[in-house]
PDB file of all heavy atoms in Angstrom:
ATOM      1  N   ALA A   1     100.838-176.675  49.560  1.00  0.00           N
ATOM      2  CA  ALA A   1     100.663-176.276  48.164  1.00  0.00           C
ATOM      3  C   ALA A   1     101.762-175.328  47.702  1.00  0.00           C
ATOM      4  O   ALA A   1     102.024-175.219  46.515  1.00  0.00           O
ATOM      5  CB  ALA A   1      99.302-175.611  47.982  1.00  0.00           C
ATOM      6  N   ALA A   2     102.401-174.637  48.633  1.00  0.00           N
ATOM      7  CA  ALA A   2     103.457-173.672  48.304  1.00  0.00           C
ATOM      8  C   ALA A   2     104.605-173.852  49.289  1.00  0.00           C
ATOM      9  O   ALA A   2     104.427-174.454  50.348  1.00  0.00           O
ATOM     10  CB  ALA A   2     102.902-172.251  48.387  1.00  0.00           C
ATOM     11  N   PRO A   3     105.783-173.358  48.960  1.00  0.00           N
ATOM     12  CA  PRO A   3     106.909-173.465  49.895  1.00  0.00           C
ATOM     13  C   PRO A   3     106.573-172.847  51.249  1.00  0.00           C
ATOM     14  O   PRO A   3     105.846-171.862  51.349  1.00  0.00           O
ATOM     15  CB  PRO A   3     108.028-172.688  49.204  1.00  0.00           C
ATOM     16  CG  PRO A   3     107.676-172.745  47.755  1.00  0.00           C
ATOM     17  CD  PRO A   3     106.181-172.733  47.700  1.00  0.00           C
ATOM     18  N   LEU A   4     107.104-173.444  52.279  1.00  0.00           N
ATOM     19  CA  LEU A   4     106.827-173.035  53.655  1.00  0.00           C
ATOM     20  C   LEU A   4     107.962-172.170  54.182  1.00  0.00           C
ATOM     21  O   LEU A   4     109.135-172.471  53.960  1.00  0.00           O
ATOM     22  CB  LEU A   4     106.680-174.295  54.523  1.00  0.00           C
ATOM     23  CG  LEU A   4     106.399-174.082  55.991  1.00  0.00           C
ATOM     24  CD1 LEU A   4     104.981-173.539  56.173  1.00  0.00           C
ATOM     25  CD2 LEU A   4     106.536-175.396  56.739  1.00  0.00           C
ATOM     26  N   ASP A   5     107.630-171.097  54.874  1.00  0.00           N
ATOM     27  CA  ASP A   5     108.617-170.262  55.543  1.00  0.00           C
ATOM     28  C   ASP A   5     108.901-170.881  56.907  1.00  0.00           C
ATOM     29  O   ASP A   5     108.081-170.789  57.825  1.00  0.00           O
ATOM     30  CB  ASP A   5     108.073-168.837  55.688  1.00  0.00           C
ATOM     31  CG  ASP A   5     109.056-167.900  56.367  1.00  0.00           C
ATOM     32  OD1 ASP A   5     110.166-168.333  56.730  1.00  0.00           O
ATOM     33  OD2 ASP A   5     108.699-166.724  56.538  1.00  0.00           O
ATOM     34  N   SER A   6     110.045-171.534  57.040  1.00  0.00           N
ATOM     35  CA  SER A   6     110.342-172.258  58.279  1.00  0.00           C
ATOM     36  C   SER A   6     110.508-171.325  59.471  1.00  0.00           C
ATOM     37  O   SER A   6     110.213-171.712  60.602  1.00  0.00           O
ATOM     38  CB  SER A   6     111.582-173.137  58.109  1.00  0.00           C
ATOM     39  OG  SER A   6     112.709-172.348  57.837  1.00  0.00           O
ATOM     40  N   ASP A   7     110.957-170.082  59.241  1.00  0.00           N
ATOM     41  CA  ASP A   7     111.081-169.129  60.350  1.00  0.00           C
ATOM     42  C   ASP A   7     109.706-168.752  60.894  1.00  0.00           C
ATOM     43  O   ASP A   7     109.513-168.668  62.108  1.00  0.00           O
ATOM     44  CB  ASP A   7     111.828-167.872  59.900  1.00  0.00           C
ATOM     45  CG  ASP A   7     113.288-168.151  59.591  1.00  0.00           C
ATOM     46  OD1 ASP A   7     113.854-169.120  60.143  1.00  0.00           O
ATOM     47  OD2 ASP A   7     113.873-167.403  58.773  1.00  0.00           O
ATOM     48  N   GLN A   8     108.747-168.537  60.005  1.00  0.00           N
ATOM     49  CA  GLN A   8     107.383-168.235  60.436  1.00  0.00           C
ATOM     50  C   GLN A   8     106.786-169.443  61.165  1.00  0.00           C
ATOM     51  O   GLN A   8     106.137-169.295  62.192  1.00  0.00           O
ATOM     52  CB  GLN A   8     106.517-167.874  59.231  1.00  0.00           C
ATOM     53  CG  GLN A   8     105.067-167.623  59.583  1.00  0.00           C
ATOM     54  CD  GLN A   8     104.168-167.523  58.368  1.00  0.00           C
ATOM     55  OE1 GLN A   8     104.584-167.785  57.247  1.00  0.00           O
ATOM     56  NE2 GLN A   8     102.919-167.165  58.576  1.00  0.00           N
ATOM     57  N   TRP A   9     107.018-170.634  60.633  1.00  0.00           N
ATOM     58  CA  TRP A   9     106.507-171.851  61.249  1.00  0.00           C
ATOM     59  C   TRP A   9     107.069-172.013  62.666  1.00  0.00           C
ATOM     60  O   TRP A   9     106.336-172.262  63.611  1.00  0.00           O
ATOM     61  CB  TRP A   9     106.889-173.054  60.375  1.00  0.00           C
ATOM     62  CG  TRP A   9     106.309-174.340  60.831  1.00  0.00           C
ATOM     63  CD1 TRP A   9     105.145-174.910  60.414  1.00  0.00           C
ATOM     64  CD2 TRP A   9     106.865-175.246  61.791  1.00  0.00           C
ATOM     65  NE1 TRP A   9     104.942-176.102  61.059  1.00  0.00           N
ATOM     66  CE2 TRP A   9     105.989-176.335  61.911  1.00  0.00           C
ATOM     67  CE3 TRP A   9     108.016-175.238  62.564  1.00  0.00           C
ATOM     68  CZ2 TRP A   9     106.226-177.397  62.773  1.00  0.00           C
ATOM     69  CZ3 TRP A   9     108.261-176.299  63.433  1.00  0.00           C
ATOM     70  CH2 TRP A   9     107.367-177.365  63.525  1.00  0.00           C
ATOM     71  N   ARG A  10     108.383-171.837  62.806  1.00  0.00           N
ATOM     72  CA  ARG A  10     109.028-171.999  64.113  1.00  0.00           C
ATOM     73  C   ARG A  10     108.563-170.910  65.092  1.00  0.00           C
ATOM     74  O   ARG A  10     108.364-171.185  66.266  1.00  0.00           O
ATOM     75  CB  ARG A  10     110.543-171.979  63.952  1.00  0.00           C
ATOM     76  CG  ARG A  10     111.236-172.235  65.219  1.00  0.00           C
ATOM     77  CD  ARG A  10     112.091-173.408  65.401  1.00  0.00           C
ATOM     78  NE  ARG A  10     112.472-174.269  64.359  1.00  0.00           N
ATOM     79  CZ  ARG A  10     112.406-175.583  64.481  1.00  0.00           C
ATOM     80  NH1 ARG A  10     111.926-176.135  65.570  1.00  0.00           N
ATOM     81  NH2 ARG A  10     112.816-176.358  63.512  1.00  0.00           N
ATOM     82  N   ALA A  11     108.373-169.673  64.612  1.00  0.00           N
ATOM     83  CA  ALA A  11     107.900-168.592  65.481  1.00  0.00           C
ATOM     84  C   ALA A  11     106.489-168.886  65.996  1.00  0.00           C
ATOM     85  O   ALA A  11     106.184-168.655  67.173  1.00  0.00           O
ATOM     86  CB  ALA A  11     107.929-167.268  64.729  1.00  0.00           C
ATOM     87  N   GLN A  12     105.635-169.411  65.126  1.00  0.00           N
ATOM     88  CA  GLN A  12     104.285-169.753  65.561  1.00  0.00           C
ATOM     89  C   GLN A  12     104.308-170.911  66.554  1.00  0.00           C
ATOM     90  O   GLN A  12     103.572-170.901  67.539  1.00  0.00           O
ATOM     91  CB  GLN A  12     103.399-170.089  64.365  1.00  0.00           C
ATOM     92  CG  GLN A  12     101.941-170.216  64.746  1.00  0.00           C
ATOM     93  CD  GLN A  12     101.020-170.191  63.547  1.00  0.00           C
ATOM     94  OE1 GLN A  12     101.377-169.704  62.479  1.00  0.00           O
ATOM     95  NE2 GLN A  12      99.828-170.701  63.720  1.00  0.00           N
ATOM     96  N   LEU A  13     105.164-171.897  66.317  1.00  0.00           N
ATOM     97  CA  LEU A  13     105.283-173.002  67.267  1.00  0.00           C
ATOM     98  C   LEU A  13     105.796-172.489  68.613  1.00  0.00           C
ATOM     99  O   LEU A  13     105.320-172.922  69.668  1.00  0.00           O
ATOM    100  CB  LEU A  13     106.212-174.090  66.722  1.00  0.00           C
ATOM    101  CG  LEU A  13     106.406-175.305  67.623  1.00  0.00           C
ATOM    102  CD1 LEU A  13     105.073-176.028  67.855  1.00  0.00           C
ATOM    103  CD2 LEU A  13     107.432-176.253  67.033  1.00  0.00           C
ATOM    104  N   GLN A  14     106.738-171.570  68.581  1.00  0.00           N
ATOM    105  CA  GLN A  14     107.269-171.011  69.827  1.00  0.00           C
ATOM    106  C   GLN A  14     106.175-170.276  70.602  1.00  0.00           C
ATOM    107  O   GLN A  14     106.129-170.356  71.827  1.00  0.00           O
ATOM    108  CB  GLN A  14     108.432-170.073  69.530  1.00  0.00           C
ATOM    109  CG  GLN A  14     109.125-169.587  70.783  1.00  0.00           C
ATOM    110  CD  GLN A  14     110.387-168.813  70.475  1.00  0.00           C
ATOM    111  OE1 GLN A  14     110.865-168.804  69.348  1.00  0.00           O
ATOM    112  NE2 GLN A  14     110.921-168.171  71.478  1.00  0.00           N
ATOM    113  N   ARG A  15     105.274-169.587  69.914  1.00  0.00           N
ATOM    114  CA  ARG A  15     104.161-168.929  70.599  1.00  0.00           C
ATOM    115  C   ARG A  15     103.226-169.951  71.240  1.00  0.00           C
ATOM    116  O   ARG A  15     102.599-169.681  72.256  1.00  0.00           O
ATOM    117  CB  ARG A  15     103.378-168.050  69.626  1.00  0.00           C
ATOM    118  CG  ARG A  15     104.086-166.745  69.288  1.00  0.00           C
ATOM    119  CD  ARG A  15     103.189-165.790  68.513  1.00  0.00           C
ATOM    120  NE  ARG A  15     102.811-166.272  67.197  1.00  0.00           N
ATOM    121  CZ  ARG A  15     103.532-166.116  66.098  1.00  0.00           C
ATOM    122  NH1 ARG A  15     104.689-165.493  66.148  1.00  0.00           N
ATOM    123  NH2 ARG A  15     103.105-166.573  64.935  1.00  0.00           N
ATOM    124  N   GLU A  16     103.132-171.127  70.646  1.00  0.00           N
ATOM    125  CA  GLU A  16     102.252-172.173  71.186  1.00  0.00           C
ATOM    126  C   GLU A  16     102.862-172.903  72.388  1.00  0.00           C
ATOM    127  O   GLU A  16     102.181-173.131  73.378  1.00  0.00           O
ATOM    128  CB  GLU A  16     101.927-173.211  70.106  1.00  0.00           C
ATOM    129  CG  GLU A  16     101.042-172.712  69.004  1.00  0.00           C
ATOM    130  CD  GLU A  16      99.563-172.659  69.378  1.00  0.00           C
ATOM    131  OE1 GLU A  16      99.145-173.366  70.307  1.00  0.00           O
ATOM    132  OE2 GLU A  16      98.843-171.908  68.726  1.00  0.00           O
ATOM    133  N   VAL A  17     104.133-173.291  72.279  1.00  0.00           N
ATOM    134  CA  VAL A  17     104.718-174.176  73.297  1.00  0.00           C
ATOM    135  C   VAL A  17     105.897-173.594  74.053  1.00  0.00           C
ATOM    136  O   VAL A  17     106.413-174.233  74.966  1.00  0.00           O
ATOM    137  CB  VAL A  17     105.137-175.533  72.691  1.00  0.00           C
ATOM    138  CG1 VAL A  17     103.945-176.290  72.173  1.00  0.00           C
ATOM    139  CG2 VAL A  17     106.203-175.369  71.628  1.00  0.00           C
ATOM    140  N   GLY A  18     106.374-172.419  73.682  1.00  0.00           N
ATOM    141  CA  GLY A  18     107.527-171.839  74.360  1.00  0.00           C
ATOM    142  C   GLY A  18     108.822-172.151  73.620  1.00  0.00           C
ATOM    143  O   GLY A  18     108.874-173.024  72.748  1.00  0.00           O
ATOM    144  N   ALA A  19     109.869-171.436  74.000  1.00  0.00           N
ATOM    145  CA  ALA A  19     111.149-171.517  73.279  1.00  0.00           C
ATOM    146  C   ALA A  19     111.817-172.880  73.400  1.00  0.00           C
ATOM    147  O   ALA A  19     112.374-173.394  72.430  1.00  0.00           O
ATOM    148  CB  ALA A  19     112.085-170.426  73.790  1.00  0.00           C
ATOM    149  N   ARG A  20     111.794-173.491  74.568  1.00  0.00           N
ATOM    150  CA  ARG A  20     112.502-174.762  74.749  1.00  0.00           C
ATOM    151  C   ARG A  20     111.868-175.882  73.919  1.00  0.00           C
ATOM    152  O   ARG A  20     112.551-176.606  73.208  1.00  0.00           O
ATOM    153  CB  ARG A  20     112.523-175.168  76.221  1.00  0.00           C
ATOM    154  CG  ARG A  20     113.352-176.423  76.469  1.00  0.00           C
ATOM    155  CD  ARG A  20     113.315-176.855  77.920  1.00  0.00           C
ATOM    156  NE  ARG A  20     112.001-177.278  78.351  1.00  0.00           N
ATOM    157  CZ  ARG A  20     111.489-178.485  78.129  1.00  0.00           C
ATOM    158  NH1 ARG A  20     112.166-179.387  77.462  1.00  0.00           N
ATOM    159  NH2 ARG A  20     110.294-178.798  78.567  1.00  0.00           N
ATOM    160  N   ARG A  21     110.571-176.018  73.984  1.00  0.00           N
ATOM    161  CA  ARG A  21     109.903-177.090  73.236  1.00  0.00           C
ATOM    162  C   ARG A  21     109.932-176.841  71.725  1.00  0.00           C
ATOM    163  O   ARG A  21     109.830-177.783  70.954  1.00  0.00           O
ATOM    164  CB  ARG A  21     108.456-177.242  73.687  1.00  0.00           C
ATOM    165  CG  ARG A  21     108.321-177.952  75.009  1.00  0.00           C
ATOM    166  CD  ARG A  21     106.868-178.338  75.240  1.00  0.00           C
ATOM    167  NE  ARG A  21     106.647-178.813  76.578  1.00  0.00           N
ATOM    168  CZ  ARG A  21     106.754-180.077  76.944  1.00  0.00           C
ATOM    169  NH1 ARG A  21     107.084-180.985  76.064  1.00  0.00           N
ATOM    170  NH2 ARG A  21     106.534-180.431  78.185  1.00  0.00           N
ATOM    171  N   ALA A  22     110.056-175.582  71.307  1.00  0.00           N
ATOM    172  CA  ALA A  22     110.052-175.258  69.876  1.00  0.00           C
ATOM    173  C   ALA A  22     111.450-175.197  69.273  1.00  0.00           C
ATOM    174  O   ALA A  22     111.596-174.942  68.089  1.00  0.00           O
ATOM    175  CB  ALA A  22     109.349-173.924  69.654  1.00  0.00           C
ATOM    176  N   SER A  23     112.471-175.451  70.056  1.00  0.00           N
ATOM    177  CA  SER A  23     113.846-175.318  69.559  1.00  0.00           C
ATOM    178  C   SER A  23     114.137-176.345  68.463  1.00  0.00           C
ATOM    179  O   SER A  23     113.541-177.424  68.430  1.00  0.00           O
ATOM    180  CB  SER A  23     114.842-175.485  70.701  1.00  0.00           C
ATOM    181  OG  SER A  23     114.944-176.840  71.063  1.00  0.00           O
ATOM    182  N   PRO A  24     115.076-176.037  67.576  1.00  0.00           N
ATOM    183  CA  PRO A  24     115.438-176.985  66.511  1.00  0.00           C
ATOM    184  C   PRO A  24     116.001-178.309  67.047  1.00  0.00           C
ATOM    185  O   PRO A  24     115.913-179.323  66.377  1.00  0.00           O
ATOM    186  CB  PRO A  24     116.501-176.234  65.709  1.00  0.00           C
ATOM    187  CG  PRO A  24     116.225-174.800  65.963  1.00  0.00           C
ATOM    188  CD  PRO A  24     115.707-174.730  67.373  1.00  0.00           C
ATOM    189  N   ARG A  25     116.551-178.297  68.244  1.00  0.00           N
ATOM    190  CA  ARG A  25     117.036-179.551  68.842  1.00  0.00           C
ATOM    191  C   ARG A  25     115.891-180.441  69.301  1.00  0.00           C
ATOM    192  O   ARG A  25     116.030-181.647  69.403  1.00  0.00           O
ATOM    193  CB  ARG A  25     117.945-179.267  70.035  1.00  0.00           C
ATOM    194  CG  ARG A  25     119.285-178.721  69.657  1.00  0.00           C
ATOM    195  CD  ARG A  25     120.131-178.530  70.901  1.00  0.00           C
ATOM    196  NE  ARG A  25     120.296-179.770  71.631  1.00  0.00           N
ATOM    197  CZ  ARG A  25     121.424-180.459  71.695  1.00  0.00           C
ATOM    198  NH1 ARG A  25     122.476-180.021  71.061  1.00  0.00           N
ATOM    199  NH2 ARG A  25     121.499-181.564  72.391  1.00  0.00           N
ATOM    200  N   ASN A  26     114.746-179.831  69.577  1.00  0.00           N
ATOM    201  CA  ASN A  26     113.601-180.577  70.089  1.00  0.00           C
ATOM    202  C   ASN A  26     112.623-180.970  68.978  1.00  0.00           C
ATOM    203  O   ASN A  26     112.014-182.032  69.038  1.00  0.00           O
ATOM    204  CB  ASN A  26     112.881-179.753  71.158  1.00  0.00           C
ATOM    205  CG  ASN A  26     111.968-180.585  72.015  1.00  0.00           C
ATOM    206  OD1 ASN A  26     112.223-181.745  72.266  1.00  0.00           O
ATOM    207  ND2 ASN A  26     110.894-179.989  72.470  1.00  0.00           N
ATOM    208  N   VAL A  27     112.454-180.094  67.985  1.00  0.00           N
ATOM    209  CA  VAL A  27     111.557-180.359  66.855  1.00  0.00           C
ATOM    210  C   VAL A  27     112.357-180.126  65.576  1.00  0.00           C
ATOM    211  O   VAL A  27     112.749-179.008  65.284  1.00  0.00           O
ATOM    212  CB  VAL A  27     110.323-179.429  66.888  1.00  0.00           C
ATOM    213  CG1 VAL A  27     109.438-179.696  65.689  1.00  0.00           C
ATOM    214  CG2 VAL A  27     109.547-179.591  68.179  1.00  0.00           C
ATOM    215  N   GLU A  28     112.599-181.200  64.846  1.00  0.00           N
ATOM    216  CA  GLU A  28     113.374-181.114  63.609  1.00  0.00           C
ATOM    217  C   GLU A  28     112.429-181.034  62.413  1.00  0.00           C
ATOM    218  O   GLU A  28     111.381-181.682  62.402  1.00  0.00           O
ATOM    219  CB  GLU A  28     114.262-182.340  63.456  1.00  0.00           C
ATOM    220  CG  GLU A  28     115.279-182.498  64.565  1.00  0.00           C
ATOM    221  CD  GLU A  28     116.081-183.786  64.429  1.00  0.00           C
ATOM    222  OE1 GLU A  28     116.286-184.241  63.281  1.00  0.00           O
ATOM    223  OE2 GLU A  28     116.472-184.323  65.461  1.00  0.00           O
ATOM    224  N   LEU A  29     112.829-180.256  61.420  1.00  0.00           N
ATOM    225  CA  LEU A  29     112.047-180.106  60.195  1.00  0.00           C
ATOM    226  C   LEU A  29     112.856-180.580  59.003  1.00  0.00           C
ATOM    227  O   LEU A  29     114.056-180.348  58.933  1.00  0.00           O
ATOM    228  CB  LEU A  29     111.694-178.637  59.953  1.00  0.00           C
ATOM    229  CG  LEU A  29     110.842-177.931  60.984  1.00  0.00           C
ATOM    230  CD1 LEU A  29     110.641-176.486  60.573  1.00  0.00           C
ATOM    231  CD2 LEU A  29     109.514-178.627  61.140  1.00  0.00           C
ATOM    232  N   GLU A  30     112.170-181.222  58.080  1.00  0.00           N
ATOM    233  CA  GLU A  30     112.768-181.591  56.797  1.00  0.00           C
ATOM    234  C   GLU A  30     111.788-181.207  55.714  1.00  0.00           C
ATOM    235  O   GLU A  30     110.639-181.629  55.733  1.00  0.00           O
ATOM    236  CB  GLU A  30     112.997-183.105  56.734  1.00  0.00           C
ATOM    237  CG  GLU A  30     114.388-183.532  57.040  1.00  0.00           C
ATOM    238  CD  GLU A  30     114.560-185.020  56.815  1.00  0.00           C
ATOM    239  OE1 GLU A  30     114.241-185.514  55.717  1.00  0.00           O
ATOM    240  OE2 GLU A  30     115.002-185.675  57.755  1.00  0.00           O
ATOM    241  N   TRP A  31     112.229-180.385  54.774  1.00  0.00           N
ATOM    242  CA  TRP A  31     111.380-179.967  53.661  1.00  0.00           C
ATOM    243  C   TRP A  31     111.859-180.656  52.405  1.00  0.00           C
ATOM    244  O   TRP A  31     113.051-180.718  52.139  1.00  0.00           O
ATOM    245  CB  TRP A  31     111.457-178.448  53.491  1.00  0.00           C
ATOM    246  CG  TRP A  31     110.642-177.950  52.348  1.00  0.00           C
ATOM    247  CD1 TRP A  31     111.106-177.642  51.108  1.00  0.00           C
ATOM    248  CD2 TRP A  31     109.249-177.726  52.315  1.00  0.00           C
ATOM    249  NE1 TRP A  31     110.065-177.232  50.308  1.00  0.00           N
ATOM    250  CE2 TRP A  31     108.914-177.278  51.030  1.00  0.00           C
ATOM    251  CE3 TRP A  31     108.220-177.876  53.247  1.00  0.00           C
ATOM    252  CZ2 TRP A  31     107.614-176.954  50.644  1.00  0.00           C
ATOM    253  CZ3 TRP A  31     106.933-177.562  52.870  1.00  0.00           C
ATOM    254  CH2 TRP A  31     106.641-177.106  51.592  1.00  0.00           C
ATOM    255  N   GLY A  32     110.944-181.199  51.634  1.00  0.00           N
ATOM    256  CA  GLY A  32     111.321-181.851  50.395  1.00  0.00           C
ATOM    257  C   GLY A  32     110.249-181.669  49.348  1.00  0.00           C
ATOM    258  O   GLY A  32     109.129-181.258  49.643  1.00  0.00           O
ATOM    259  N   PRO A  33     110.594-181.965  48.101  1.00  0.00           N
ATOM    260  CA  PRO A  33     109.591-181.864  47.030  1.00  0.00           C
ATOM    261  C   PRO A  33     108.510-182.925  47.228  1.00  0.00           C
ATOM    262  O   PRO A  33     108.744-183.976  47.803  1.00  0.00           O
ATOM    263  CB  PRO A  33     110.394-182.117  45.757  1.00  0.00           C
ATOM    264  CG  PRO A  33     111.594-182.867  46.208  1.00  0.00           C
ATOM    265  CD  PRO A  33     111.882-182.431  47.619  1.00  0.00           C
TER     266      PRO A  33
END
């Protein structure tokens, strides 16, 4: 419903799966309208 803070999203993912699995090379994000 509102713009997403990708840094917060990635930090939460890193807490769940660790740094390697949460890295931008492993999980790519694309935000669009």
